């Protein structure tokens, strides 16, 4: 599930409604049956919620303990889930940028926190070389022709994009982030997942906007 999709304003829900009805579109009777199973089999359950830092509300630091079937604003319901008042034997995994995690009340913080930092230069070089098929020369060329891009390889997503661009260009070196994005967007245009959207026209309009911005 995603925290950013729990933007319910002043409306009140219980945990069953949030998980099974709002996210999975279950009917009330289906949601009730599934939620009863979850409560009986908590040790077999893992609830994953992504992006606490993108929530449109704050987790209530002083939320009262609620009955699991009680309806309340989403911040109070999530506070009871994170503090272990709801489903204490289930595994709750949340992702967030660190600044939001630090703001959580001590009783709502996870028992274990894993901080994902960027790659070191050595790890970036090793993974880049792996992605391009073991060709160390491509990394040396990248550092020489576009040192700013080699530094961006500390970010896992950018490393993959830059490596893909270097492979697609063959012997022609990549010298700018624009070149990387051109390759990535060209690949997206050919993807089987693209629906009936004229990406070429959209990209042309984006190019015009970018050009006007620097006039």
N, C-alpha and C. Protein backbone atom coordinates (compact mmCIF):
# COMPACT_ATOMS: atom_id res chain seq x y z
N UNK A 1 0.85 -1.18 0.00
CA UNK A 1 0.00 0.00 0.00
C UNK A 1 0.89 1.24 0.00
N UNK A 2 0.28 2.40 -0.30
CA UNK A 2 1.04 3.64 -0.31
C UNK A 2 0.39 4.66 0.62
N UNK A 3 1.21 5.30 1.43
CA UNK A 3 0.69 6.33 2.34
C UNK A 3 0.04 7.48 1.56
N UNK A 4 0.60 7.83 0.40
CA UNK A 4 0.09 8.99 -0.33
C UNK A 4 -1.33 8.77 -0.83
N UNK A 5 -1.75 7.51 -0.94
CA UNK A 5 -3.12 7.23 -1.39
C UNK A 5 -4.12 7.25 -0.24
N UNK A 6 -3.63 7.46 0.97
CA UNK A 6 -4.53 7.52 2.13
C UNK A 6 -4.93 8.96 2.44
N UNK A 7 -5.20 9.71 1.41
CA UNK A 7 -5.58 11.11 1.59
C UNK A 7 -7.10 11.19 1.72
N UNK A 8 -7.59 10.94 2.92
CA UNK A 8 -9.04 10.85 3.14
C UNK A 8 -9.62 12.10 3.79
N UNK A 9 -8.80 13.12 3.98
CA UNK A 9 -9.30 14.35 4.60
C UNK A 9 -9.84 14.10 6.00
N UNK A 10 -11.04 14.55 6.25
CA UNK A 10 -11.66 14.42 7.57
C UNK A 10 -12.46 13.14 7.72
N UNK A 11 -12.52 12.34 6.66
CA UNK A 11 -13.32 11.11 6.73
C UNK A 11 -12.68 10.10 7.68
N UNK A 12 -13.49 9.24 8.26
CA UNK A 12 -13.02 8.26 9.23
C UNK A 12 -13.25 6.84 8.70
N UNK A 13 -12.26 5.98 8.95
CA UNK A 13 -12.33 4.59 8.54
C UNK A 13 -11.72 3.73 9.64
N UNK A 14 -12.01 2.42 9.60
CA UNK A 14 -11.26 1.50 10.45
C UNK A 14 -10.20 0.81 9.60
N UNK A 15 -9.34 0.03 10.23
CA UNK A 15 -8.21 -0.57 9.53
C UNK A 15 -8.68 -1.52 8.43
N UNK A 16 -9.72 -2.27 8.70
CA UNK A 16 -10.26 -3.19 7.70
C UNK A 16 -10.66 -2.45 6.43
N UNK A 17 -11.34 -1.34 6.60
CA UNK A 17 -11.79 -0.56 5.44
C UNK A 17 -10.61 0.02 4.67
N UNK A 18 -9.62 0.51 5.40
CA UNK A 18 -8.46 1.11 4.74
C UNK A 18 -7.73 0.09 3.89
N UNK A 19 -7.47 -1.10 4.44
CA UNK A 19 -6.68 -2.09 3.73
C UNK A 19 -7.47 -2.75 2.61
N UNK A 20 -8.60 -3.35 2.95
CA UNK A 20 -9.26 -4.23 1.99
C UNK A 20 -10.30 -3.55 1.11
N UNK A 21 -10.97 -2.54 1.62
CA UNK A 21 -11.99 -1.88 0.80
C UNK A 21 -11.40 -0.74 -0.01
N UNK A 22 -10.63 0.13 0.64
CA UNK A 22 -10.10 1.29 -0.07
C UNK A 22 -8.98 0.92 -1.03
N UNK A 23 -8.09 0.00 -0.63
CA UNK A 23 -6.94 -0.33 -1.47
C UNK A 23 -7.23 -1.46 -2.45
N UNK A 24 -7.96 -2.46 -2.00
CA UNK A 24 -8.15 -3.65 -2.84
C UNK A 24 -9.55 -3.77 -3.41
N UNK A 25 -10.43 -2.83 -3.09
CA UNK A 25 -11.74 -2.82 -3.70
C UNK A 25 -12.64 -3.98 -3.33
N UNK A 26 -12.42 -4.57 -2.17
CA UNK A 26 -13.25 -5.69 -1.73
C UNK A 26 -14.62 -5.18 -1.28
N UNK A 27 -15.60 -6.05 -1.40
CA UNK A 27 -16.91 -5.73 -0.83
C UNK A 27 -16.80 -5.81 0.69
N UNK A 28 -17.71 -5.19 1.43
CA UNK A 28 -17.65 -5.27 2.89
C UNK A 28 -17.61 -6.70 3.42
N UNK A 29 -18.37 -7.61 2.80
CA UNK A 29 -18.37 -9.00 3.28
C UNK A 29 -17.03 -9.68 3.00
N UNK A 30 -16.45 -9.42 1.82
CA UNK A 30 -15.13 -9.98 1.51
C UNK A 30 -14.08 -9.40 2.45
N UNK A 31 -14.12 -8.09 2.66
CA UNK A 31 -13.15 -7.44 3.53
C UNK A 31 -13.23 -7.99 4.94
N UNK A 32 -14.43 -8.24 5.42
CA UNK A 32 -14.60 -8.78 6.77
C UNK A 32 -13.97 -10.16 6.89
N UNK A 33 -14.20 -11.01 5.88
CA UNK A 33 -13.64 -12.37 5.91
C UNK A 33 -12.12 -12.34 5.85
N UNK A 34 -11.56 -11.50 4.98
CA UNK A 34 -10.10 -11.41 4.86
C UNK A 34 -9.48 -10.87 6.14
N UNK A 35 -10.12 -9.85 6.72
CA UNK A 35 -9.56 -9.22 7.91
C UNK A 35 -9.62 -10.17 9.10
N UNK A 36 -10.66 -10.98 9.18
CA UNK A 36 -10.73 -11.98 10.25
C UNK A 36 -9.59 -12.97 10.11
N UNK A 37 -9.28 -13.35 8.87
CA UNK A 37 -8.16 -14.28 8.65
C UNK A 37 -6.85 -13.63 9.10
N UNK A 38 -6.65 -12.37 8.75
CA UNK A 38 -5.43 -11.66 9.14
C UNK A 38 -5.29 -11.64 10.66
N UNK A 39 -6.37 -11.37 11.36
CA UNK A 39 -6.30 -11.31 12.82
C UNK A 39 -5.98 -12.67 13.43
N UNK A 40 -6.46 -13.74 12.82
CA UNK A 40 -6.19 -15.09 13.34
C UNK A 40 -4.80 -15.57 12.98
N UNK A 41 -4.22 -15.03 11.92
CA UNK A 41 -2.94 -15.55 11.41
C UNK A 41 -1.89 -14.44 11.32
N UNK A 42 -1.79 -13.66 12.37
CA UNK A 42 -0.90 -12.50 12.34
C UNK A 42 0.56 -12.87 12.09
N UNK A 43 1.00 -14.00 12.63
CA UNK A 43 2.41 -14.37 12.47
C UNK A 43 2.75 -14.65 11.01
N UNK A 44 1.74 -14.90 10.19
CA UNK A 44 1.97 -15.18 8.77
C UNK A 44 1.74 -13.95 7.89
N UNK A 45 1.51 -12.80 8.52
CA UNK A 45 1.15 -11.60 7.76
C UNK A 45 2.27 -10.57 7.75
N UNK A 46 2.44 -9.96 6.61
CA UNK A 46 3.38 -8.86 6.46
C UNK A 46 2.66 -7.72 5.76
N UNK A 47 2.59 -6.59 6.40
CA UNK A 47 1.93 -5.41 5.84
C UNK A 47 3.00 -4.41 5.43
N UNK A 48 3.04 -4.07 4.15
CA UNK A 48 4.06 -3.16 3.62
C UNK A 48 3.37 -1.88 3.16
N UNK A 49 3.83 -0.75 3.70
CA UNK A 49 3.26 0.55 3.34
C UNK A 49 4.41 1.47 2.92
N UNK A 50 4.31 2.01 1.72
CA UNK A 50 5.40 2.78 1.13
C UNK A 50 5.19 4.28 1.28
N UNK A 51 6.27 5.00 1.58
CA UNK A 51 6.28 6.45 1.47
C UNK A 51 5.62 7.23 2.58
N UNK A 52 6.03 6.99 3.83
CA UNK A 52 5.46 7.75 4.95
C UNK A 52 5.68 9.25 4.75
N UNK A 53 6.80 9.62 4.17
CA UNK A 53 7.10 11.04 3.96
C UNK A 53 6.18 11.70 2.94
N UNK A 54 5.41 10.90 2.20
CA UNK A 54 4.49 11.45 1.20
C UNK A 54 3.05 11.51 1.71
N UNK A 55 2.84 11.14 2.96
CA UNK A 55 1.49 11.19 3.52
C UNK A 55 1.00 12.63 3.61
N UNK A 56 -0.29 12.82 3.34
CA UNK A 56 -0.87 14.16 3.40
C UNK A 56 -1.35 14.51 4.80
N UNK A 57 -0.99 13.72 5.78
CA UNK A 57 -1.41 13.90 7.17
C UNK A 57 -0.25 13.48 8.05
N UNK A 58 -0.33 13.76 9.33
CA UNK A 58 0.71 13.36 10.28
C UNK A 58 0.21 12.19 11.12
N UNK A 59 1.13 11.27 11.43
CA UNK A 59 0.80 10.20 12.36
C UNK A 59 0.61 10.84 13.73
N UNK A 60 -0.53 10.61 14.33
CA UNK A 60 -0.85 11.26 15.61
C UNK A 60 0.05 10.72 16.71
N UNK A 61 0.88 11.60 17.28
CA UNK A 61 1.85 11.16 18.29
C UNK A 61 1.19 10.80 19.61
N UNK A 62 0.01 11.36 19.86
CA UNK A 62 -0.67 11.09 21.13
C UNK A 62 -2.02 10.41 20.88
N UNK A 63 -2.04 9.55 19.87
CA UNK A 63 -3.30 8.89 19.51
C UNK A 63 -3.74 7.94 20.61
N UNK A 64 -4.99 8.00 21.02
CA UNK A 64 -5.48 7.06 22.03
C UNK A 64 -5.56 5.65 21.46
N UNK A 65 -5.44 4.67 22.33
CA UNK A 65 -5.57 3.28 21.89
C UNK A 65 -7.01 3.05 21.44
N UNK A 66 -7.16 2.55 20.22
CA UNK A 66 -8.47 2.31 19.65
C UNK A 66 -8.78 0.83 19.61
N UNK A 67 -10.05 0.50 19.58
CA UNK A 67 -10.47 -0.86 19.24
C UNK A 67 -10.22 -1.06 17.76
N UNK A 68 -9.80 -2.24 17.36
CA UNK A 68 -9.40 -2.45 15.98
C UNK A 68 -10.53 -2.24 14.99
N UNK A 69 -11.76 -2.30 15.46
CA UNK A 69 -12.90 -2.08 14.57
C UNK A 69 -13.39 -0.63 14.60
N UNK A 70 -12.78 0.20 15.44
CA UNK A 70 -13.22 1.59 15.58
C UNK A 70 -12.82 2.42 14.36
N UNK A 71 -13.67 3.36 14.00
CA UNK A 71 -13.37 4.27 12.91
C UNK A 71 -12.75 5.54 13.46
N UNK A 72 -11.75 6.05 12.74
CA UNK A 72 -11.08 7.29 13.15
C UNK A 72 -10.38 7.86 11.93
N UNK A 73 -9.83 9.06 12.08
CA UNK A 73 -9.04 9.64 11.00
C UNK A 73 -7.82 8.77 10.76
N UNK A 74 -7.34 8.79 9.53
CA UNK A 74 -6.30 7.85 9.13
C UNK A 74 -5.03 7.98 9.98
N UNK A 75 -4.68 9.20 10.42
CA UNK A 75 -3.48 9.37 11.24
C UNK A 75 -3.56 8.61 12.55
N UNK A 76 -4.74 8.56 13.15
CA UNK A 76 -4.92 7.83 14.40
C UNK A 76 -4.91 6.32 14.16
N UNK A 77 -5.53 5.89 13.06
CA UNK A 77 -5.53 4.46 12.74
C UNK A 77 -4.11 3.97 12.49
N UNK A 78 -3.33 4.74 11.71
CA UNK A 78 -1.96 4.35 11.42
C UNK A 78 -1.09 4.38 12.68
N UNK A 79 -1.35 5.33 13.58
CA UNK A 79 -0.61 5.39 14.84
C UNK A 79 -0.83 4.11 15.64
N UNK A 80 -2.05 3.60 15.65
CA UNK A 80 -2.35 2.37 16.38
C UNK A 80 -1.74 1.15 15.70
N UNK A 81 -1.63 1.19 14.38
CA UNK A 81 -0.99 0.08 13.67
C UNK A 81 0.52 0.09 13.92
N UNK A 82 1.16 1.26 13.80
CA UNK A 82 2.61 1.34 13.96
C UNK A 82 3.05 1.11 15.40
N UNK A 83 2.21 1.45 16.37
CA UNK A 83 2.58 1.26 17.77
C UNK A 83 2.37 -0.17 18.24
N UNK A 84 1.74 -1.00 17.40
CA UNK A 84 1.51 -2.39 17.78
C UNK A 84 0.21 -2.62 18.52
N UNK A 85 -0.60 -1.59 18.67
CA UNK A 85 -1.91 -1.81 19.29
C UNK A 85 -2.80 -2.65 18.39
N UNK A 86 -2.70 -2.42 17.07
CA UNK A 86 -3.38 -3.25 16.09
C UNK A 86 -2.40 -4.30 15.57
N UNK A 87 -2.85 -5.54 15.45
CA UNK A 87 -2.06 -6.62 14.85
C UNK A 87 -0.64 -6.68 15.41
N UNK A 88 -0.49 -6.87 16.71
CA UNK A 88 0.84 -6.81 17.34
C UNK A 88 1.81 -7.89 16.88
N UNK A 89 1.29 -8.99 16.33
CA UNK A 89 2.17 -10.08 15.92
C UNK A 89 2.41 -10.12 14.41
N UNK A 90 1.87 -9.17 13.69
CA UNK A 90 2.14 -9.08 12.26
C UNK A 90 3.43 -8.30 12.03
N UNK A 91 4.05 -8.51 10.89
CA UNK A 91 5.26 -7.76 10.53
C UNK A 91 4.85 -6.53 9.74
N UNK A 92 5.20 -5.36 10.25
CA UNK A 92 4.85 -4.10 9.61
C UNK A 92 6.11 -3.48 9.01
N UNK A 93 6.14 -3.31 7.71
CA UNK A 93 7.28 -2.70 7.03
C UNK A 93 6.83 -1.38 6.43
N UNK A 94 7.55 -0.31 6.72
CA UNK A 94 7.25 0.99 6.12
C UNK A 94 8.51 1.56 5.51
N UNK A 95 8.34 2.34 4.46
CA UNK A 95 9.48 3.04 3.86
C UNK A 95 9.25 4.54 4.01
N UNK A 96 10.34 5.26 4.11
CA UNK A 96 10.24 6.71 4.29
C UNK A 96 11.61 7.34 4.12
N UNK A 97 11.63 8.59 3.75
CA UNK A 97 12.87 9.35 3.86
C UNK A 97 13.14 9.58 5.34
N UNK A 98 14.40 9.71 5.68
CA UNK A 98 14.81 9.68 7.09
C UNK A 98 14.21 10.81 7.91
N UNK A 99 13.99 11.98 7.31
CA UNK A 99 13.53 13.12 8.12
C UNK A 99 12.15 12.85 8.72
N UNK A 100 11.30 12.12 8.00
CA UNK A 100 9.97 11.81 8.53
C UNK A 100 10.05 10.72 9.59
N UNK A 101 10.93 9.77 9.39
CA UNK A 101 11.08 8.69 10.37
C UNK A 101 11.50 9.25 11.72
N UNK A 102 12.34 10.27 11.71
CA UNK A 102 12.81 10.86 12.96
C UNK A 102 11.69 11.55 13.73
N UNK A 103 10.64 11.96 13.03
CA UNK A 103 9.54 12.66 13.67
C UNK A 103 8.54 11.73 14.33
N UNK A 104 8.65 10.43 14.06
CA UNK A 104 7.71 9.49 14.66
C UNK A 104 7.89 9.43 16.17
N UNK A 105 6.78 9.32 16.87
CA UNK A 105 6.81 9.11 18.32
C UNK A 105 7.60 7.84 18.61
N UNK A 106 8.33 7.81 19.71
CA UNK A 106 9.20 6.67 20.02
C UNK A 106 8.43 5.36 20.03
N UNK A 107 7.18 5.39 20.44
CA UNK A 107 6.40 4.16 20.49
C UNK A 107 5.92 3.68 19.15
N UNK A 108 6.08 4.52 18.12
CA UNK A 108 5.63 4.16 16.78
C UNK A 108 6.78 3.83 15.84
N UNK A 109 7.99 4.02 16.29
CA UNK A 109 9.13 3.72 15.43
C UNK A 109 9.32 2.22 15.31
N UNK A 110 9.76 1.76 14.15
CA UNK A 110 9.99 0.32 13.96
C UNK A 110 11.08 -0.19 14.90
N UNK A 111 11.01 -1.48 15.21
CA UNK A 111 12.04 -2.09 16.04
C UNK A 111 13.38 -2.11 15.32
N UNK A 112 13.34 -2.16 14.01
CA UNK A 112 14.58 -2.16 13.23
C UNK A 112 14.45 -1.15 12.10
N UNK A 113 15.46 -0.30 11.96
CA UNK A 113 15.47 0.70 10.89
C UNK A 113 16.69 0.45 10.02
N UNK A 114 16.48 0.34 8.72
CA UNK A 114 17.57 0.13 7.77
C UNK A 114 17.70 1.40 6.93
N UNK A 115 18.86 2.01 6.98
CA UNK A 115 19.12 3.24 6.22
C UNK A 115 19.82 2.88 4.91
N UNK A 116 19.21 3.25 3.79
CA UNK A 116 19.80 2.98 2.48
C UNK A 116 20.50 4.24 1.98
N UNK A 117 21.81 4.21 1.95
CA UNK A 117 22.58 5.34 1.45
C UNK A 117 23.00 5.07 0.01
N UNK A 118 23.57 6.08 -0.62
CA UNK A 118 24.06 5.89 -1.98
C UNK A 118 25.28 4.99 -2.01
N UNK A 119 25.62 4.53 -3.21
CA UNK A 119 26.78 3.66 -3.37
C UNK A 119 28.07 4.45 -3.16
N UNK A 120 29.07 3.78 -2.66
CA UNK A 120 30.41 4.38 -2.62
C UNK A 120 30.95 4.40 -4.05
N UNK A 121 31.99 5.21 -4.33
CA UNK A 121 32.56 5.22 -5.69
C UNK A 121 32.99 3.83 -6.15
N UNK A 122 33.55 3.05 -5.22
CA UNK A 122 34.00 1.71 -5.59
C UNK A 122 32.83 0.81 -5.95
N UNK A 123 31.75 0.87 -5.13
CA UNK A 123 30.58 0.04 -5.42
C UNK A 123 29.90 0.50 -6.71
N UNK A 124 29.86 1.82 -6.92
CA UNK A 124 29.27 2.33 -8.15
C UNK A 124 30.01 1.82 -9.37
N UNK A 125 31.34 1.86 -9.32
CA UNK A 125 32.14 1.37 -10.44
C UNK A 125 31.91 -0.12 -10.66
N UNK A 126 31.89 -0.89 -9.57
CA UNK A 126 31.71 -2.33 -9.68
C UNK A 126 30.36 -2.69 -10.30
N UNK A 127 29.29 -2.04 -9.83
CA UNK A 127 27.96 -2.35 -10.35
C UNK A 127 27.79 -1.85 -11.78
N UNK A 128 28.33 -0.68 -12.08
CA UNK A 128 28.27 -0.17 -13.45
C UNK A 128 28.93 -1.16 -14.40
N UNK A 129 30.12 -1.61 -14.02
CA UNK A 129 30.86 -2.56 -14.86
C UNK A 129 30.08 -3.85 -15.03
N UNK A 130 29.41 -4.29 -13.97
CA UNK A 130 28.58 -5.50 -14.05
C UNK A 130 27.44 -5.30 -15.04
N UNK A 131 26.77 -4.15 -14.96
CA UNK A 131 25.61 -3.90 -15.82
C UNK A 131 25.99 -3.78 -17.29
N UNK A 132 27.18 -3.30 -17.57
CA UNK A 132 27.59 -3.14 -18.98
C UNK A 132 28.32 -4.38 -19.49
N UNK A 133 28.24 -5.47 -18.75
CA UNK A 133 28.80 -6.73 -19.22
C UNK A 133 30.26 -6.93 -18.93
N UNK A 134 30.77 -6.27 -17.89
CA UNK A 134 32.16 -6.47 -17.49
C UNK A 134 33.16 -5.62 -18.25
N UNK A 135 32.67 -4.64 -19.00
CA UNK A 135 33.56 -3.79 -19.81
C UNK A 135 34.06 -2.62 -18.96
N UNK A 136 35.25 -2.77 -18.38
CA UNK A 136 35.82 -1.72 -17.53
C UNK A 136 36.14 -0.45 -18.31
N UNK A 137 36.37 -0.60 -19.61
CA UNK A 137 36.73 0.57 -20.42
C UNK A 137 35.59 1.58 -20.47
N UNK A 138 34.35 1.10 -20.40
CA UNK A 138 33.21 2.02 -20.45
C UNK A 138 33.19 2.93 -19.21
N UNK A 139 33.57 2.38 -18.07
CA UNK A 139 33.62 3.21 -16.85
C UNK A 139 34.72 4.26 -16.96
N UNK A 140 35.87 3.87 -17.47
CA UNK A 140 36.98 4.82 -17.63
C UNK A 140 36.60 5.92 -18.63
N UNK A 141 35.90 5.53 -19.68
CA UNK A 141 35.45 6.52 -20.67
C UNK A 141 34.45 7.48 -20.05
N UNK A 142 33.53 6.94 -19.25
CA UNK A 142 32.53 7.78 -18.59
C UNK A 142 33.20 8.78 -17.66
N UNK A 143 34.16 8.33 -16.87
CA UNK A 143 34.85 9.24 -15.94
C UNK A 143 35.61 10.33 -16.69
N UNK A 144 36.15 9.97 -17.84
CA UNK A 144 36.94 10.94 -18.61
C UNK A 144 36.04 11.93 -19.35
N UNK A 145 34.99 11.43 -19.99
CA UNK A 145 34.14 12.27 -20.84
C UNK A 145 33.02 12.97 -20.07
N UNK A 146 32.56 12.36 -18.99
CA UNK A 146 31.44 12.95 -18.24
C UNK A 146 31.59 12.63 -16.76
N UNK A 147 32.57 13.25 -16.09
CA UNK A 147 32.80 12.95 -14.68
C UNK A 147 31.59 13.22 -13.80
N UNK A 148 30.74 14.19 -14.21
CA UNK A 148 29.54 14.48 -13.42
C UNK A 148 28.57 13.29 -13.43
N UNK A 149 28.56 12.53 -14.52
CA UNK A 149 27.69 11.36 -14.60
C UNK A 149 28.23 10.21 -13.75
N UNK A 150 29.54 10.09 -13.69
CA UNK A 150 30.12 9.02 -12.86
C UNK A 150 29.79 9.26 -11.39
N UNK A 151 29.71 10.53 -10.99
CA UNK A 151 29.33 10.84 -9.61
C UNK A 151 27.86 10.50 -9.36
N UNK A 152 27.02 10.66 -10.38
CA UNK A 152 25.60 10.34 -10.23
C UNK A 152 25.36 8.84 -10.04
N UNK A 153 26.36 8.04 -10.35
CA UNK A 153 26.20 6.59 -10.21
C UNK A 153 26.16 6.14 -8.75
N UNK A 154 26.29 7.08 -7.82
CA UNK A 154 26.07 6.73 -6.41
C UNK A 154 24.60 6.49 -6.14
N UNK A 155 23.72 6.99 -7.04
CA UNK A 155 22.28 6.76 -6.94
C UNK A 155 21.93 5.51 -7.74
N UNK A 156 21.31 4.50 -7.11
CA UNK A 156 21.04 3.23 -7.81
C UNK A 156 20.24 3.39 -9.10
N UNK A 157 19.19 4.21 -9.08
CA UNK A 157 18.38 4.37 -10.29
C UNK A 157 19.18 5.04 -11.40
N UNK A 158 19.92 6.10 -11.07
CA UNK A 158 20.70 6.80 -12.08
C UNK A 158 21.80 5.90 -12.63
N UNK A 159 22.37 5.06 -11.79
CA UNK A 159 23.40 4.13 -12.26
C UNK A 159 22.85 3.24 -13.37
N UNK A 160 21.63 2.72 -13.17
CA UNK A 160 21.03 1.84 -14.16
C UNK A 160 20.76 2.60 -15.46
N UNK A 161 20.24 3.82 -15.35
CA UNK A 161 19.95 4.61 -16.55
C UNK A 161 21.23 4.93 -17.32
N UNK A 162 22.26 5.35 -16.58
CA UNK A 162 23.52 5.73 -17.23
C UNK A 162 24.18 4.52 -17.87
N UNK A 163 24.16 3.39 -17.18
CA UNK A 163 24.74 2.17 -17.76
C UNK A 163 23.99 1.76 -19.02
N UNK A 164 22.66 1.85 -18.98
CA UNK A 164 21.86 1.50 -20.17
C UNK A 164 22.19 2.42 -21.33
N UNK A 165 22.36 3.71 -21.04
CA UNK A 165 22.68 4.67 -22.09
C UNK A 165 24.05 4.38 -22.70
N UNK A 166 25.02 4.05 -21.86
CA UNK A 166 26.36 3.73 -22.35
C UNK A 166 26.34 2.49 -23.25
N UNK A 167 25.55 1.50 -22.88
CA UNK A 167 25.44 0.29 -23.70
C UNK A 167 24.77 0.60 -25.03
N UNK A 168 23.72 1.42 -24.99
CA UNK A 168 22.98 1.73 -26.22
C UNK A 168 23.82 2.55 -27.20
N UNK A 169 24.71 3.35 -26.68
CA UNK A 169 25.54 4.22 -27.54
C UNK A 169 26.73 3.48 -28.15
N UNK A 170 27.03 2.29 -27.66
CA UNK A 170 28.16 1.56 -28.20
C UNK A 170 29.47 2.26 -27.92
N UNK A 171 30.23 2.56 -28.99
CA UNK A 171 31.53 3.21 -28.83
C UNK A 171 31.43 4.73 -28.71
N UNK A 172 30.24 5.28 -28.92
CA UNK A 172 30.08 6.73 -28.81
C UNK A 172 29.88 7.10 -27.34
N UNK A 173 30.73 7.93 -26.78
CA UNK A 173 30.64 8.23 -25.35
C UNK A 173 29.42 9.08 -25.00
N UNK A 174 28.90 8.85 -23.82
CA UNK A 174 27.84 9.69 -23.25
C UNK A 174 28.51 10.87 -22.55
N UNK A 175 28.05 12.08 -22.86
CA UNK A 175 28.72 13.25 -22.29
C UNK A 175 27.81 14.11 -21.42
N UNK A 176 26.51 13.82 -21.41
CA UNK A 176 25.60 14.68 -20.64
C UNK A 176 24.40 13.89 -20.16
N UNK A 177 23.73 14.45 -19.16
CA UNK A 177 22.50 13.83 -18.65
C UNK A 177 21.41 13.86 -19.71
N UNK A 178 21.43 14.87 -20.58
CA UNK A 178 20.46 14.93 -21.67
C UNK A 178 20.57 13.71 -22.56
N UNK A 179 21.80 13.31 -22.86
CA UNK A 179 22.01 12.12 -23.69
C UNK A 179 21.46 10.87 -23.01
N UNK A 180 21.65 10.79 -21.70
CA UNK A 180 21.13 9.65 -20.94
C UNK A 180 19.61 9.61 -21.03
N UNK A 181 18.97 10.75 -20.81
CA UNK A 181 17.51 10.80 -20.83
C UNK A 181 16.96 10.53 -22.22
N UNK A 182 17.66 10.97 -23.26
CA UNK A 182 17.23 10.67 -24.63
C UNK A 182 17.18 9.17 -24.87
N UNK A 183 18.21 8.47 -24.41
CA UNK A 183 18.26 7.02 -24.59
C UNK A 183 17.15 6.34 -23.80
N UNK A 184 16.97 6.77 -22.55
CA UNK A 184 15.94 6.16 -21.69
C UNK A 184 14.55 6.38 -22.27
N UNK A 185 14.27 7.61 -22.72
CA UNK A 185 12.95 7.91 -23.28
C UNK A 185 12.72 7.17 -24.60
N UNK A 186 13.76 7.04 -25.40
CA UNK A 186 13.63 6.28 -26.65
C UNK A 186 13.30 4.82 -26.35
N UNK A 187 13.90 4.29 -25.30
CA UNK A 187 13.61 2.91 -24.90
C UNK A 187 12.17 2.77 -24.41
N UNK A 188 11.71 3.77 -23.64
CA UNK A 188 10.33 3.74 -23.15
C UNK A 188 9.35 3.78 -24.32
N UNK A 189 9.65 4.56 -25.35
CA UNK A 189 8.76 4.67 -26.51
C UNK A 189 8.53 3.32 -27.18
N UNK A 190 9.53 2.45 -27.11
CA UNK A 190 9.43 1.15 -27.77
C UNK A 190 8.91 0.05 -26.84
N UNK A 191 8.61 0.41 -25.60
CA UNK A 191 8.18 -0.59 -24.63
C UNK A 191 6.81 -1.16 -24.98
N UNK A 192 6.63 -2.44 -24.71
CA UNK A 192 5.34 -3.09 -24.94
C UNK A 192 4.27 -2.58 -23.98
N UNK A 193 4.69 -1.90 -22.92
CA UNK A 193 3.74 -1.40 -21.93
C UNK A 193 3.15 -0.04 -22.30
N UNK A 194 3.66 0.58 -23.34
CA UNK A 194 3.15 1.89 -23.75
C UNK A 194 1.77 1.72 -24.36
N UNK A 195 0.83 2.51 -23.90
CA UNK A 195 -0.54 2.45 -24.41
C UNK A 195 -0.66 3.37 -25.63
N UNK A 196 -1.88 3.65 -26.01
CA UNK A 196 -2.13 4.48 -27.19
C UNK A 196 -1.86 5.95 -26.88
N UNK A 197 -0.59 6.25 -26.71
CA UNK A 197 -0.17 7.62 -26.41
C UNK A 197 0.90 8.02 -27.42
N UNK A 198 0.76 9.19 -28.00
CA UNK A 198 1.74 9.66 -28.97
C UNK A 198 2.92 10.28 -28.23
N UNK A 199 3.86 9.43 -27.82
CA UNK A 199 4.98 9.91 -27.03
C UNK A 199 5.89 10.85 -27.82
N UNK A 200 5.99 10.61 -29.12
CA UNK A 200 6.84 11.48 -29.93
C UNK A 200 6.34 12.91 -29.91
N UNK A 201 5.03 13.07 -30.01
CA UNK A 201 4.45 14.42 -29.97
C UNK A 201 4.63 15.04 -28.59
N UNK A 202 4.44 14.23 -27.54
CA UNK A 202 4.61 14.73 -26.18
C UNK A 202 6.05 15.19 -25.96
N UNK A 203 7.01 14.38 -26.40
CA UNK A 203 8.42 14.74 -26.24
C UNK A 203 8.76 16.00 -27.03
N UNK A 204 8.18 16.12 -28.21
CA UNK A 204 8.43 17.32 -29.02
C UNK A 204 7.95 18.56 -28.28
N UNK A 205 6.79 18.47 -27.66
CA UNK A 205 6.26 19.60 -26.89
C UNK A 205 7.12 19.90 -25.67
N UNK A 206 7.62 18.84 -25.03
CA UNK A 206 8.51 19.03 -23.88
C UNK A 206 9.80 19.74 -24.32
N UNK A 207 10.32 19.35 -25.49
CA UNK A 207 11.52 20.00 -26.02
C UNK A 207 11.28 21.49 -26.24
N UNK A 208 10.11 21.82 -26.77
CA UNK A 208 9.79 23.23 -27.02
C UNK A 208 9.70 24.01 -25.71
N UNK A 209 9.09 23.40 -24.69
CA UNK A 209 8.99 24.07 -23.39
C UNK A 209 10.38 24.30 -22.81
N UNK A 210 11.25 23.28 -22.90
CA UNK A 210 12.60 23.40 -22.37
C UNK A 210 13.39 24.49 -23.11
N UNK A 211 13.19 24.54 -24.43
CA UNK A 211 13.90 25.55 -25.22
C UNK A 211 13.46 26.96 -24.84
N UNK A 212 12.14 27.15 -24.70
CA UNK A 212 11.63 28.47 -24.33
C UNK A 212 12.10 28.88 -22.94
N UNK A 213 12.31 27.89 -22.06
CA UNK A 213 12.72 28.20 -20.69
C UNK A 213 14.12 28.79 -20.63
N UNK A 214 14.94 28.46 -21.62
CA UNK A 214 16.33 28.95 -21.59
C UNK A 214 16.58 30.06 -22.61
N UNK A 215 15.51 30.50 -23.28
CA UNK A 215 15.67 31.61 -24.24
C UNK A 215 16.12 32.90 -23.54
